[in-house]
Protein backbone atom coordinates (compact mmCIF):
# COMPACT_ATOMS: atom_id res chain seq x y z
CA MET A 1 -35.37 -16.11 -11.23
CA LEU A 2 -31.83 -17.30 -11.87
CA TRP A 3 -32.86 -20.62 -9.75
CA LEU A 4 -35.84 -21.53 -11.90
CA GLY A 5 -34.38 -21.17 -14.72
CA LYS A 6 -31.73 -23.73 -13.84
CA LYS A 7 -34.97 -25.94 -12.68
CA LEU A 8 -36.92 -25.64 -15.64
CA GLY A 9 -33.61 -26.87 -18.03
CA LEU A 10 -33.93 -23.06 -19.90
CA ILE A 11 -30.39 -21.60 -19.44
CA ARG A 12 -27.36 -22.03 -18.01
CA ALA A 13 -26.04 -18.55 -16.89
CA LYS A 14 -21.87 -18.43 -16.21
CA LEU A 15 -21.40 -16.63 -11.83
CA VAL A 16 -18.35 -15.02 -11.56
CA ILE A 17 -17.74 -13.61 -8.86
CA PHE A 18 -14.97 -11.41 -7.23
CA TYR A 19 -14.23 -11.40 -3.46
CA HIS A 20 -11.87 -9.01 -2.52
CA MET A 21 -11.60 -7.59 1.07
CA ASP A 22 -13.10 -9.05 4.55
CA ALA A 23 -15.53 -6.57 6.14
CA SER A 24 -14.67 -5.51 8.90
CA PHE A 25 -17.39 -4.84 12.29
CA ASP A 26 -16.74 -3.47 15.55
CA ASN A 27 -20.19 -2.76 15.88
CA LEU A 28 -21.80 -6.18 18.18
CA LEU A 29 -25.26 -5.11 16.72
CA VAL A 30 -23.75 -4.97 13.09
CA LYS A 31 -22.24 -8.39 13.64
CA SER A 32 -25.40 -9.61 14.57
CA LEU A 33 -27.49 -7.83 11.19
CA SER A 34 -24.66 -9.38 8.84
CA PHE A 35 -25.27 -12.84 9.63
CA PRO A 36 -27.83 -13.16 7.12
CA THR A 37 -25.75 -11.74 3.73
CA ARG A 38 -22.90 -14.19 5.68
CA ILE A 39 -24.87 -17.48 4.71
CA ILE A 40 -26.11 -15.24 1.15
CA LYS A 41 -22.50 -14.47 0.68
CA ASN A 42 -21.79 -18.26 2.01
CA ASN A 43 -23.98 -19.44 -1.36
CA LEU A 44 -23.47 -17.86 -3.92
CA PHE A 45 -19.37 -19.23 -3.44
CA LYS A 46 -20.82 -22.13 -3.55
CA ILE A 47 -23.39 -22.17 -6.64
CA ALA A 48 -20.22 -19.72 -8.81
CA ASP A 49 -18.39 -21.47 -11.65
CA LYS A 50 -15.04 -18.55 -10.74
CA ILE A 51 -14.75 -16.64 -8.09
CA ILE A 52 -11.97 -13.55 -9.17
CA CYS A 53 -9.70 -11.79 -6.25
CA ALA A 54 -6.75 -9.77 -6.87
CA SER A 55 -4.56 -12.17 -4.09
CA LEU A 56 -5.26 -15.68 -2.95
CA ASP A 57 -2.11 -14.78 -0.56
CA TYR A 58 -5.29 -12.63 1.00
CA VAL A 59 -8.04 -14.99 0.49
CA GLU A 60 -6.44 -18.23 2.08
CA HIS A 61 -5.95 -16.27 5.15
CA SER A 62 -9.33 -14.54 5.40
CA SER A 63 -12.24 -15.29 6.90
CA ILE A 64 -13.74 -17.09 3.46
CA LYS A 65 -10.37 -19.20 4.06
CA ASN A 66 -12.37 -23.17 4.47
CA ILE A 67 -14.01 -22.07 0.98
CA TYR A 68 -11.08 -21.51 -1.10
CA LYS A 69 -10.10 -25.01 0.53
CA LYS A 70 -13.39 -26.59 -0.36
CA TYR A 71 -13.24 -25.20 -3.99
CA THR A 72 -9.15 -24.07 -4.76
CA GLU A 73 -10.53 -24.44 -8.35
CA LYS A 74 -13.31 -21.95 -8.38
CA PHE A 75 -10.29 -19.63 -7.50
CA VAL A 76 -8.48 -17.49 -10.41
CA GLU A 77 -6.06 -14.12 -8.99
CA ILE A 78 -6.36 -11.38 -11.13
CA PRO A 79 -3.83 -8.38 -9.30
CA PHE A 80 -5.35 -5.03 -9.78
CA GLY A 81 -2.69 -2.85 -12.33
CA ALA A 82 -1.21 0.02 -10.97
CA SER A 83 -2.97 3.09 -12.72
CA GLN A 84 -0.16 5.80 -12.09
CA SER A 85 2.39 5.70 -14.36
CA PRO A 86 5.38 8.63 -15.25
CA ASP A 87 3.69 8.53 -18.82
CA ARG A 88 1.32 11.69 -16.12
CA ILE A 89 3.91 13.46 -14.71
CA ASN A 90 4.10 17.01 -15.47
CA ARG A 91 7.46 19.70 -15.05
CA LEU A 92 6.31 22.51 -14.36
CA LEU A 93 4.00 20.84 -11.44
CA VAL A 94 6.95 19.15 -10.43
CA GLU A 95 8.84 22.86 -10.16
CA GLN A 96 5.63 23.79 -7.81
CA ILE A 97 5.27 21.06 -5.74
CA LYS A 98 8.86 21.52 -4.99
CA GLN A 99 8.92 25.01 -4.23
CA ARG A 100 5.92 24.10 -1.92
CA LEU A 101 7.92 21.64 -0.25
CA ASN A 102 10.61 23.32 0.19
CA TRP A 103 12.21 20.44 -1.86
CA GLN A 104 15.61 19.53 -1.41
CA ALA A 105 17.55 17.45 -3.97
CA ASP A 106 20.79 16.04 -0.92
CA LYS A 107 17.65 15.15 1.29
CA LYS A 108 15.54 11.63 1.06
CA ASN A 109 11.72 11.66 0.73
CA ILE A 110 9.51 9.43 1.70
CA LEU A 111 5.99 9.11 0.86
CA PHE A 112 2.54 7.47 3.07
CA ILE A 113 -0.38 8.05 0.53
CA GLY A 114 -3.30 7.12 2.12
CA GLY A 115 -6.14 8.27 4.09
CA LEU A 116 -6.12 9.49 7.25
CA ASP A 117 -9.59 8.98 8.87
CA LYS A 118 -11.81 6.80 11.35
CA ALA A 119 -12.06 4.17 8.64
CA HIS A 120 -8.56 4.12 7.48
CA TYR A 121 -6.97 3.68 10.86
CA PHE A 122 -5.07 0.15 9.64
CA LYS A 123 -2.74 2.13 7.90
CA GLY A 124 -0.60 3.10 10.51
CA VAL A 125 0.54 7.02 10.04
CA ASP A 126 1.15 6.60 13.78
CA VAL A 127 3.54 4.08 13.73
CA LEU A 128 5.28 5.04 10.83
CA ILE A 129 5.18 8.74 12.47
CA GLU A 130 7.41 6.53 15.67
CA ALA A 131 9.86 4.94 12.61
CA PHE A 132 10.42 7.50 10.93
CA ARG A 133 11.95 9.70 14.84
CA LYS A 134 13.75 6.95 15.30
CA LEU A 135 15.39 7.12 11.90
CA SER A 136 16.33 11.33 12.29
CA ASP A 137 18.08 10.34 15.68
CA ASN A 138 19.78 7.38 15.57
CA GLY A 139 22.68 8.00 15.51
CA LEU A 140 23.66 8.66 11.12
CA SER A 141 25.27 11.13 9.48
CA PRO A 142 22.93 13.01 6.76
CA TYR A 143 25.14 11.24 3.79
CA GLY A 144 25.94 7.77 3.35
CA GLY A 145 24.85 6.76 7.19
CA SER A 146 28.49 6.81 8.59
CA PRO A 147 28.81 7.32 12.31
CA LEU A 148 28.14 11.27 13.70
CA THR A 149 31.54 13.31 13.80
CA SER A 150 31.42 15.22 17.75
CA GLN A 151 30.52 18.51 15.36
CA GLU A 152 27.18 17.03 14.04
CA LYS A 153 26.42 15.72 17.55
CA PHE A 154 27.68 18.99 19.56
CA LYS A 155 24.63 20.26 16.20
CA GLN A 156 22.20 17.77 17.17
CA LYS A 157 22.49 18.47 21.24
CA ILE A 158 21.55 22.39 20.24
CA GLY A 159 18.82 21.49 18.66
CA GLY A 160 20.41 21.64 14.99
CA ARG A 161 18.54 19.05 12.90
CA ILE A 162 21.04 17.03 10.95
CA ALA A 163 18.74 13.94 10.25
CA ASP A 164 18.74 14.05 6.02
CA TYR A 165 15.01 12.31 5.45
CA LYS A 166 11.30 14.22 4.74
CA LEU A 167 8.73 12.85 5.65
CA LEU A 168 5.85 12.95 3.04
CA ILE A 169 2.03 12.43 4.16
CA VAL A 170 -0.34 12.76 1.25
CA GLY A 171 -4.29 11.85 2.08
CA ASP A 172 -7.05 13.88 4.55
CA GLY A 173 -9.51 13.07 6.81
CA ASP A 174 -10.52 13.00 11.22
CA LEU A 175 -7.15 11.15 12.20
CA ARG A 176 -5.68 13.67 10.35
CA ARG A 177 -5.29 16.98 13.87
CA ASP A 178 -4.36 13.56 16.09
CA TYR A 179 -0.64 12.82 13.27
CA GLU A 180 0.13 16.74 12.94
CA LYS A 181 -0.25 16.04 17.23
CA GLN A 182 1.85 13.86 17.10
CA VAL A 183 4.14 15.10 14.80
CA GLN A 184 4.35 18.41 16.58
CA GLU A 185 4.65 15.95 20.25
CA LEU A 186 7.91 14.11 18.22
CA ASN A 187 9.61 17.49 17.70
CA ILE A 188 9.39 16.52 13.83
CA SER A 189 7.38 18.82 12.16
CA ASP A 190 10.92 20.75 10.23
CA CYS A 191 10.42 17.10 8.83
CA VAL A 192 7.43 15.83 7.53
CA VAL A 193 4.39 17.32 5.66
CA PHE A 194 0.96 16.95 5.70
CA ALA A 195 0.25 17.30 1.42
CA GLY A 196 -3.45 17.02 2.21
CA CYS A 197 -5.16 15.18 -0.97
CA VAL A 198 -3.83 15.91 -3.75
CA SER A 199 -5.01 15.94 -7.74
CA ASP A 200 -4.32 12.56 -10.08
CA ASP A 201 -1.71 13.97 -12.03
CA GLU A 202 -0.55 16.14 -8.39
CA LEU A 203 0.65 11.75 -7.32
CA ALA A 204 2.41 11.18 -10.09
CA CYS A 205 4.43 14.17 -9.49
CA TYR A 206 4.64 12.58 -5.68
CA TYR A 207 5.38 9.54 -7.09
CA TYR A 208 8.01 10.59 -9.02
CA LEU A 209 9.53 12.97 -5.80
CA ALA A 210 9.65 10.26 -3.64
CA ASP A 211 12.98 7.89 -2.97
CA LEU A 212 10.46 5.24 -1.36
CA VAL A 213 6.80 4.94 -0.92
CA VAL A 214 5.93 2.70 2.66
CA LEU A 215 2.66 1.59 3.14
CA PRO A 216 2.66 0.85 7.17
CA SER A 217 -1.23 -1.96 7.12
CA VAL A 218 -1.64 -2.91 11.42
CA THR A 219 -4.58 -5.19 10.52
CA LYS A 220 -6.00 -7.45 6.90
CA ALA A 221 -7.62 -4.76 6.80
CA GLU A 222 -5.18 -4.17 4.22
CA ALA A 223 -6.07 -6.73 1.34
CA PHE A 224 -3.71 -5.75 -1.24
CA GLY A 225 -1.79 -1.84 -1.21
CA LEU A 226 -2.15 -0.32 -4.79
CA VAL A 227 0.22 2.50 -3.30
CA LEU A 228 2.69 -0.15 -3.36
CA ALA A 229 2.45 -1.71 -7.07
CA GLU A 230 1.79 2.79 -8.13
CA ALA A 231 5.20 2.69 -6.54
CA GLU A 232 6.75 0.21 -8.65
CA ASN A 233 5.91 1.09 -12.33
CA PHE A 234 7.63 4.80 -11.36
CA GLY A 235 10.43 2.44 -10.12
CA LYS A 236 10.95 3.59 -6.22
CA PRO A 237 11.65 0.41 -4.09
CA VAL A 238 9.18 -0.25 -1.32
CA ILE A 239 8.36 -1.00 1.90
CA GLY A 240 5.34 -2.58 3.26
CA SER A 241 3.02 -4.96 5.98
CA GLY A 242 3.87 -8.40 6.36
CA LEU A 243 0.58 -9.17 5.65
CA PRO A 244 -1.52 -11.25 3.39
CA GLY A 245 -2.29 -9.67 0.40
CA VAL A 246 0.26 -6.43 0.67
CA ARG A 247 3.63 -8.97 0.80
CA GLY A 248 2.94 -10.07 -2.31
CA VAL A 249 2.51 -6.81 -4.25
CA VAL A 250 5.74 -6.02 -2.18
CA GLY A 251 7.86 -8.88 -3.90
CA GLU A 252 11.14 -8.38 -5.37
CA ALA A 253 11.17 -4.67 -5.20
CA GLY A 254 11.76 -4.07 -1.26
CA LEU A 255 10.98 -5.05 2.56
CA LEU A 256 8.65 -6.20 4.72
CA VAL A 257 8.50 -5.23 7.58
CA ARG A 258 6.22 -6.94 10.99
CA PRO A 259 3.03 -5.23 11.19
CA GLY A 260 2.59 -2.59 14.13
CA ASP A 261 6.50 -3.08 14.91
CA ILE A 262 7.95 0.99 14.68
CA ASP A 263 11.13 0.05 15.89
CA ASP A 264 11.46 -2.27 12.49
CA LEU A 265 10.18 -0.14 10.36
CA ALA A 266 12.85 2.22 11.93
CA GLU A 267 15.78 -0.24 11.02
CA LYS A 268 14.17 -1.11 7.18
CA LEU A 269 14.03 2.28 6.35
CA LYS A 270 17.35 2.54 7.60
CA ILE A 271 18.44 0.33 5.29
CA ILE A 272 17.04 0.80 2.01
CA LEU A 273 17.80 4.98 2.92
CA THR A 274 21.26 4.22 2.88
CA ASP A 275 21.66 1.24 0.35
CA GLU A 276 21.74 3.18 -3.01
CA ASN A 277 23.00 0.22 -4.57
CA LEU A 278 19.53 -1.54 -2.90
CA ARG A 279 17.11 0.92 -4.09
CA GLN A 280 18.31 0.77 -7.05
CA LYS A 281 18.13 -4.09 -6.88
CA PHE A 282 14.16 -2.87 -6.18
CA SER A 283 14.06 -0.41 -8.43
CA LEU A 284 14.88 -2.69 -11.19
CA ALA A 285 12.74 -5.42 -9.36
CA GLY A 286 9.42 -3.15 -8.65
CA LEU A 287 9.36 -2.09 -12.15
CA ARG A 288 9.67 -5.83 -13.22
CA GLN A 289 6.68 -6.63 -11.45
CA VAL A 290 4.57 -4.37 -12.49
CA LYS A 291 5.41 -5.61 -15.93
CA GLU A 292 4.33 -8.89 -16.17
CA LYS A 293 1.40 -9.09 -12.86
CA TYR A 294 0.17 -5.87 -12.22
CA ASN A 295 -0.61 -3.52 -15.02
CA TRP A 296 -4.63 -3.18 -16.52
CA GLY A 297 -3.63 -4.86 -19.64
CA GLU A 298 -2.56 -7.98 -18.58
CA HIS A 299 -5.80 -7.25 -15.73
CA THR A 300 -7.79 -7.31 -18.83
CA ARG A 301 -5.89 -10.13 -20.77
CA LYS A 302 -7.36 -12.85 -17.58
CA LEU A 303 -10.66 -11.50 -17.42
CA GLU A 304 -10.92 -12.06 -20.88
CA GLN A 305 -9.48 -15.29 -20.15
CA LEU A 306 -11.90 -15.92 -18.29
CA TYR A 307 -15.35 -14.90 -19.19
CA LYS A 308 -13.93 -16.91 -23.19
CA MET A 309 -13.49 -20.14 -20.75
CA SER A 310 -16.81 -19.55 -19.36
CA GLY A 311 -18.95 -19.33 -22.63
CA LYS A 312 -19.44 -15.08 -22.04
CA VAL A 313 -17.46 -14.13 -24.96
């Protein structure tokens, strides 16, 4: 009908498309069946007046990069906004979660948020757990990262835990048992907490309690990394994989790691957790980035501006 109307000169509708990420298919049959869909998608991109994306960096490295190169002027970057905010913090709920976590104020808390199911295998939880183990036995004392004393080394030998870090994993799914087994086999169960699924109000508390938020994704199936923007909204330093889209959200608010590189992640964790001045620098940068870019007010303003230019408002 749209084609017929255009042909008759009766209408001139504006077509705006939102593109977020590439679909990933492991099954050959599914890939072949998706071929007609790809043809339709490509044709839609060609006739579209504007194509909205959350990250131009991601688009430039995606399956539609050739379309982007040919129709660069059609693409408009409008990043997502951080839905979680410090305004949601419920102080009573914070105290309840502290009790649940056996909270100790002198420990540094590393927070991961994401699905623990097969569909989200790319989140890199197994990589994070391995890197955390390296952090836990890398020869740092609990306070300030100074070398171990002979007494601390003795405690380590007899099984006493001296690393002053805790890994909080928020999320659930069918891979959770595998990750729990990994933690047990690495003998770090006493400093890793699987919090499961939490409510939005609880999630705000976890952001508040974290010292660092990590998203160690291993493939381009991670197209943006909204949890990083939300962490920045709480003034938390972040670590994210150097992937298209994700690296832009990290920006100046933290450090990038090579996807799937356990040693690199362990080193970046150590750098941030043992440097208070650096954490403060990343915190301020993250707050600035959210204010300038990753908030729904700015998102809405850009959308309204786009539709006005398209003659729809």
